């Protein structure tokens, strides 16, 4: 079984399409959805306390949120937190 070598765009193609590639990367990997900091806060740093609550959603809504979170490389929880805090 042989592995296929990845195909990369030429340097000229990357330079010519830089704006388009940058917009795509910003949309998919950019700071659109801030992830919650994990672990303990640093010494002297204060964070707002989080409260755990159960939310029931229709199956279609949950699947839509999962797809959006997967596309943005984050979790459903951080997607919901972001949407609620920016609303």
N, C-alpha and C. Protein backbone atom coordinates (compact mmCIF):
# COMPACT_ATOMS: atom_id res chain seq x y z
N UNK A 1 0.84 -1.18 0.00
CA UNK A 1 0.00 0.00 0.00
C UNK A 1 0.89 1.24 0.00
N UNK A 2 0.73 2.08 -1.00
CA UNK A 2 1.56 3.28 -1.09
C UNK A 2 0.75 4.51 -0.71
N UNK A 3 1.43 5.40 -0.02
CA UNK A 3 0.78 6.66 0.35
C UNK A 3 0.88 7.64 -0.81
N UNK A 4 -0.21 8.40 -0.99
CA UNK A 4 -0.17 9.44 -2.00
C UNK A 4 0.50 10.67 -1.42
N UNK A 5 1.34 11.29 -2.20
CA UNK A 5 1.97 12.52 -1.75
C UNK A 5 0.96 13.66 -1.84
N UNK A 6 0.95 14.55 -0.86
CA UNK A 6 0.01 15.67 -0.93
C UNK A 6 0.36 16.60 -2.10
N UNK A 7 -0.67 17.17 -2.68
CA UNK A 7 -0.48 18.09 -3.79
C UNK A 7 -0.61 19.51 -3.26
N UNK A 8 0.42 20.28 -3.43
CA UNK A 8 0.42 21.66 -2.97
C UNK A 8 0.33 22.61 -4.15
N UNK A 9 -0.29 23.76 -3.93
CA UNK A 9 -0.36 24.78 -4.97
C UNK A 9 1.03 25.37 -5.17
N UNK A 10 1.25 25.88 -6.34
CA UNK A 10 2.55 26.50 -6.59
C UNK A 10 2.63 27.82 -5.84
N UNK A 11 3.84 28.28 -5.66
CA UNK A 11 4.07 29.55 -4.96
C UNK A 11 3.35 30.69 -5.67
N UNK A 12 3.34 30.68 -6.99
CA UNK A 12 2.70 31.72 -7.77
C UNK A 12 1.18 31.71 -7.54
N UNK A 13 0.59 30.50 -7.49
CA UNK A 13 -0.85 30.40 -7.23
C UNK A 13 -1.19 30.94 -5.84
N UNK A 14 -0.35 30.61 -4.86
CA UNK A 14 -0.59 31.09 -3.50
C UNK A 14 -0.51 32.62 -3.44
N UNK A 15 0.47 33.19 -4.09
CA UNK A 15 0.62 34.65 -4.10
C UNK A 15 -0.54 35.31 -4.82
N UNK A 16 -0.96 34.75 -5.95
CA UNK A 16 -2.05 35.33 -6.73
C UNK A 16 -3.39 35.26 -5.99
N UNK A 17 -3.59 34.22 -5.20
CA UNK A 17 -4.87 34.03 -4.51
C UNK A 17 -4.77 34.29 -3.00
N UNK A 18 -3.79 35.08 -2.60
CA UNK A 18 -3.55 35.29 -1.17
C UNK A 18 -4.78 35.82 -0.43
N UNK A 19 -5.45 36.83 -0.99
CA UNK A 19 -6.61 37.41 -0.31
C UNK A 19 -7.72 36.39 -0.12
N UNK A 20 -7.97 35.59 -1.14
CA UNK A 20 -9.01 34.57 -1.06
C UNK A 20 -8.63 33.50 -0.02
N UNK A 21 -7.39 33.07 -0.02
CA UNK A 21 -6.93 32.06 0.94
C UNK A 21 -6.97 32.63 2.36
N UNK A 22 -6.56 33.87 2.51
CA UNK A 22 -6.57 34.50 3.84
C UNK A 22 -7.99 34.65 4.37
N UNK A 23 -8.94 35.01 3.50
CA UNK A 23 -10.33 35.14 3.92
C UNK A 23 -10.89 33.78 4.35
N UNK A 24 -10.55 32.74 3.60
CA UNK A 24 -11.00 31.40 3.96
C UNK A 24 -10.41 30.98 5.31
N UNK A 25 -9.12 31.22 5.51
CA UNK A 25 -8.47 30.84 6.76
C UNK A 25 -9.04 31.63 7.93
N UNK A 26 -9.31 32.89 7.72
CA UNK A 26 -9.88 33.72 8.79
C UNK A 26 -11.26 33.21 9.17
N UNK A 27 -12.05 32.81 8.17
CA UNK A 27 -13.40 32.31 8.44
C UNK A 27 -13.36 30.98 9.19
N UNK A 28 -12.45 30.10 8.79
CA UNK A 28 -12.41 28.76 9.38
C UNK A 28 -11.55 28.65 10.63
N UNK A 29 -10.50 29.44 10.73
CA UNK A 29 -9.57 29.30 11.84
C UNK A 29 -9.38 30.59 12.62
N UNK A 30 -10.01 31.66 12.19
CA UNK A 30 -9.78 32.97 12.81
C UNK A 30 -10.39 33.09 14.19
N UNK A 31 -10.29 34.27 14.75
CA UNK A 31 -10.78 34.48 16.12
C UNK A 31 -12.28 34.71 16.18
N UNK A 32 -13.05 34.08 15.29
CA UNK A 32 -14.50 34.26 15.29
C UNK A 32 -15.14 33.73 16.56
N UNK A 33 -14.68 32.59 17.03
CA UNK A 33 -15.26 31.96 18.21
C UNK A 33 -14.17 31.80 19.26
N UNK A 34 -14.18 32.67 20.26
CA UNK A 34 -13.15 32.52 21.28
C UNK A 34 -13.43 31.28 22.12
N UNK A 35 -12.41 30.48 22.33
CA UNK A 35 -12.60 29.30 23.16
C UNK A 35 -12.38 29.69 24.62
N UNK A 36 -13.09 29.03 25.48
CA UNK A 36 -12.94 29.30 26.89
C UNK A 36 -11.57 28.82 27.35
N UNK A 37 -10.95 29.58 28.22
CA UNK A 37 -9.64 29.18 28.74
C UNK A 37 -9.82 27.94 29.61
N UNK A 38 -8.96 26.97 29.44
CA UNK A 38 -9.06 25.74 30.20
C UNK A 38 -8.13 25.79 31.40
N UNK A 39 -8.48 25.00 32.40
CA UNK A 39 -7.62 24.88 33.57
C UNK A 39 -7.81 26.01 34.57
N UNK A 40 -6.91 26.06 35.50
CA UNK A 40 -6.98 27.10 36.53
C UNK A 40 -6.52 28.43 35.97
N UNK A 41 -7.11 29.52 36.48
CA UNK A 41 -6.62 30.84 36.06
C UNK A 41 -5.23 31.09 36.64
N UNK A 42 -4.48 31.94 36.00
CA UNK A 42 -3.16 32.29 36.50
C UNK A 42 -3.29 33.02 37.83
N UNK A 43 -2.24 33.00 38.58
CA UNK A 43 -2.25 33.64 39.89
C UNK A 43 -2.56 35.13 39.71
N UNK A 44 -3.54 35.60 40.46
CA UNK A 44 -3.93 37.01 40.39
C UNK A 44 -4.97 37.30 39.32
N UNK A 45 -5.23 36.37 38.44
CA UNK A 45 -6.21 36.57 37.37
C UNK A 45 -7.59 36.15 37.87
N UNK A 46 -8.57 36.98 37.62
CA UNK A 46 -9.93 36.66 38.04
C UNK A 46 -10.78 36.34 36.82
N UNK A 47 -11.61 35.34 36.97
CA UNK A 47 -12.53 34.97 35.90
C UNK A 47 -13.94 34.95 36.44
N UNK A 48 -14.86 35.19 35.54
CA UNK A 48 -16.27 35.12 35.92
C UNK A 48 -16.64 33.66 36.15
N UNK A 49 -17.38 33.42 37.21
CA UNK A 49 -17.79 32.05 37.52
C UNK A 49 -18.76 31.54 36.45
N UNK A 50 -18.63 30.27 36.12
CA UNK A 50 -19.52 29.65 35.15
C UNK A 50 -20.54 28.80 35.90
N UNK A 51 -21.76 28.78 35.42
CA UNK A 51 -22.82 28.00 36.03
C UNK A 51 -23.28 26.97 35.01
N UNK A 52 -23.31 25.71 35.42
CA UNK A 52 -23.75 24.65 34.53
C UNK A 52 -25.27 24.56 34.50
N UNK A 53 -25.85 24.58 33.32
CA UNK A 53 -27.30 24.46 33.14
C UNK A 53 -27.58 23.50 32.00
N UNK A 54 -28.68 22.82 32.10
CA UNK A 54 -29.10 21.92 31.03
C UNK A 54 -30.07 22.66 30.11
N UNK A 55 -29.84 22.52 28.82
CA UNK A 55 -30.70 23.16 27.83
C UNK A 55 -31.19 22.08 26.88
N UNK A 56 -32.47 22.01 26.67
CA UNK A 56 -33.02 21.05 25.73
C UNK A 56 -33.27 21.74 24.40
N UNK A 57 -32.77 21.12 23.34
CA UNK A 57 -32.92 21.67 22.00
C UNK A 57 -33.51 20.61 21.08
N UNK A 58 -34.25 21.04 20.06
CA UNK A 58 -34.71 20.07 19.06
C UNK A 58 -33.50 19.43 18.37
N UNK A 59 -33.67 18.21 17.94
CA UNK A 59 -32.59 17.46 17.32
C UNK A 59 -31.99 18.20 16.12
N UNK A 60 -32.83 18.81 15.32
CA UNK A 60 -32.34 19.53 14.12
C UNK A 60 -31.46 20.71 14.51
N UNK A 61 -31.83 21.41 15.58
CA UNK A 61 -31.04 22.56 16.03
C UNK A 61 -29.70 22.07 16.55
N UNK A 62 -29.69 21.00 17.32
CA UNK A 62 -28.45 20.45 17.87
C UNK A 62 -27.51 20.01 16.75
N UNK A 63 -28.05 19.32 15.74
CA UNK A 63 -27.22 18.87 14.63
C UNK A 63 -26.65 20.05 13.85
N UNK A 64 -27.43 21.10 13.71
CA UNK A 64 -26.95 22.30 13.03
C UNK A 64 -25.81 22.95 13.82
N UNK A 65 -25.98 23.02 15.14
CA UNK A 65 -24.91 23.58 15.99
C UNK A 65 -23.65 22.73 15.93
N UNK A 66 -23.81 21.42 15.92
CA UNK A 66 -22.65 20.53 15.81
C UNK A 66 -21.90 20.75 14.50
N UNK A 67 -22.65 20.89 13.42
CA UNK A 67 -22.01 21.10 12.11
C UNK A 67 -21.27 22.43 12.08
N UNK A 68 -21.88 23.47 12.64
CA UNK A 68 -21.23 24.79 12.67
C UNK A 68 -19.99 24.76 13.54
N UNK A 69 -20.07 24.11 14.69
CA UNK A 69 -18.92 24.01 15.59
C UNK A 69 -17.79 23.23 14.93
N UNK A 70 -18.13 22.14 14.24
CA UNK A 70 -17.12 21.34 13.56
C UNK A 70 -16.43 22.18 12.48
N UNK A 71 -17.22 22.97 11.75
CA UNK A 71 -16.67 23.82 10.69
C UNK A 71 -15.71 24.87 11.24
N UNK A 72 -16.02 25.38 12.43
CA UNK A 72 -15.18 26.41 13.04
C UNK A 72 -14.13 25.83 13.99
N UNK A 73 -14.04 24.51 14.04
CA UNK A 73 -13.04 23.82 14.87
C UNK A 73 -13.15 24.23 16.33
N UNK A 74 -14.34 24.17 16.86
CA UNK A 74 -14.58 24.50 18.26
C UNK A 74 -15.63 23.54 18.80
N UNK A 75 -16.09 23.80 20.01
CA UNK A 75 -17.11 22.95 20.61
C UNK A 75 -18.47 23.63 20.51
N UNK A 76 -19.52 22.82 20.65
CA UNK A 76 -20.87 23.37 20.65
C UNK A 76 -21.03 24.32 21.83
N UNK A 77 -20.46 23.94 22.97
CA UNK A 77 -20.57 24.79 24.16
C UNK A 77 -19.98 26.18 23.91
N UNK A 78 -18.76 26.26 23.38
CA UNK A 78 -18.17 27.58 23.17
C UNK A 78 -18.90 28.35 22.09
N UNK A 79 -19.49 27.66 21.11
CA UNK A 79 -20.29 28.33 20.09
C UNK A 79 -21.53 28.95 20.73
N UNK A 80 -22.21 28.21 21.60
CA UNK A 80 -23.39 28.73 22.29
C UNK A 80 -23.01 29.89 23.20
N UNK A 81 -21.94 29.75 23.97
CA UNK A 81 -21.50 30.83 24.86
C UNK A 81 -21.19 32.09 24.06
N UNK A 82 -20.49 31.92 22.95
CA UNK A 82 -20.16 33.08 22.11
C UNK A 82 -21.41 33.77 21.59
N UNK A 83 -22.36 32.97 21.10
CA UNK A 83 -23.59 33.56 20.56
C UNK A 83 -24.41 34.25 21.63
N UNK A 84 -24.46 33.67 22.82
CA UNK A 84 -25.25 34.29 23.89
C UNK A 84 -24.58 35.55 24.44
N UNK A 85 -23.27 35.58 24.49
CA UNK A 85 -22.59 36.75 25.03
C UNK A 85 -22.50 37.89 24.04
N UNK A 86 -22.62 37.60 22.74
CA UNK A 86 -22.59 38.68 21.75
C UNK A 86 -23.98 39.12 21.34
N UNK A 87 -25.02 38.46 21.86
CA UNK A 87 -26.40 38.80 21.49
C UNK A 87 -26.86 40.05 22.19
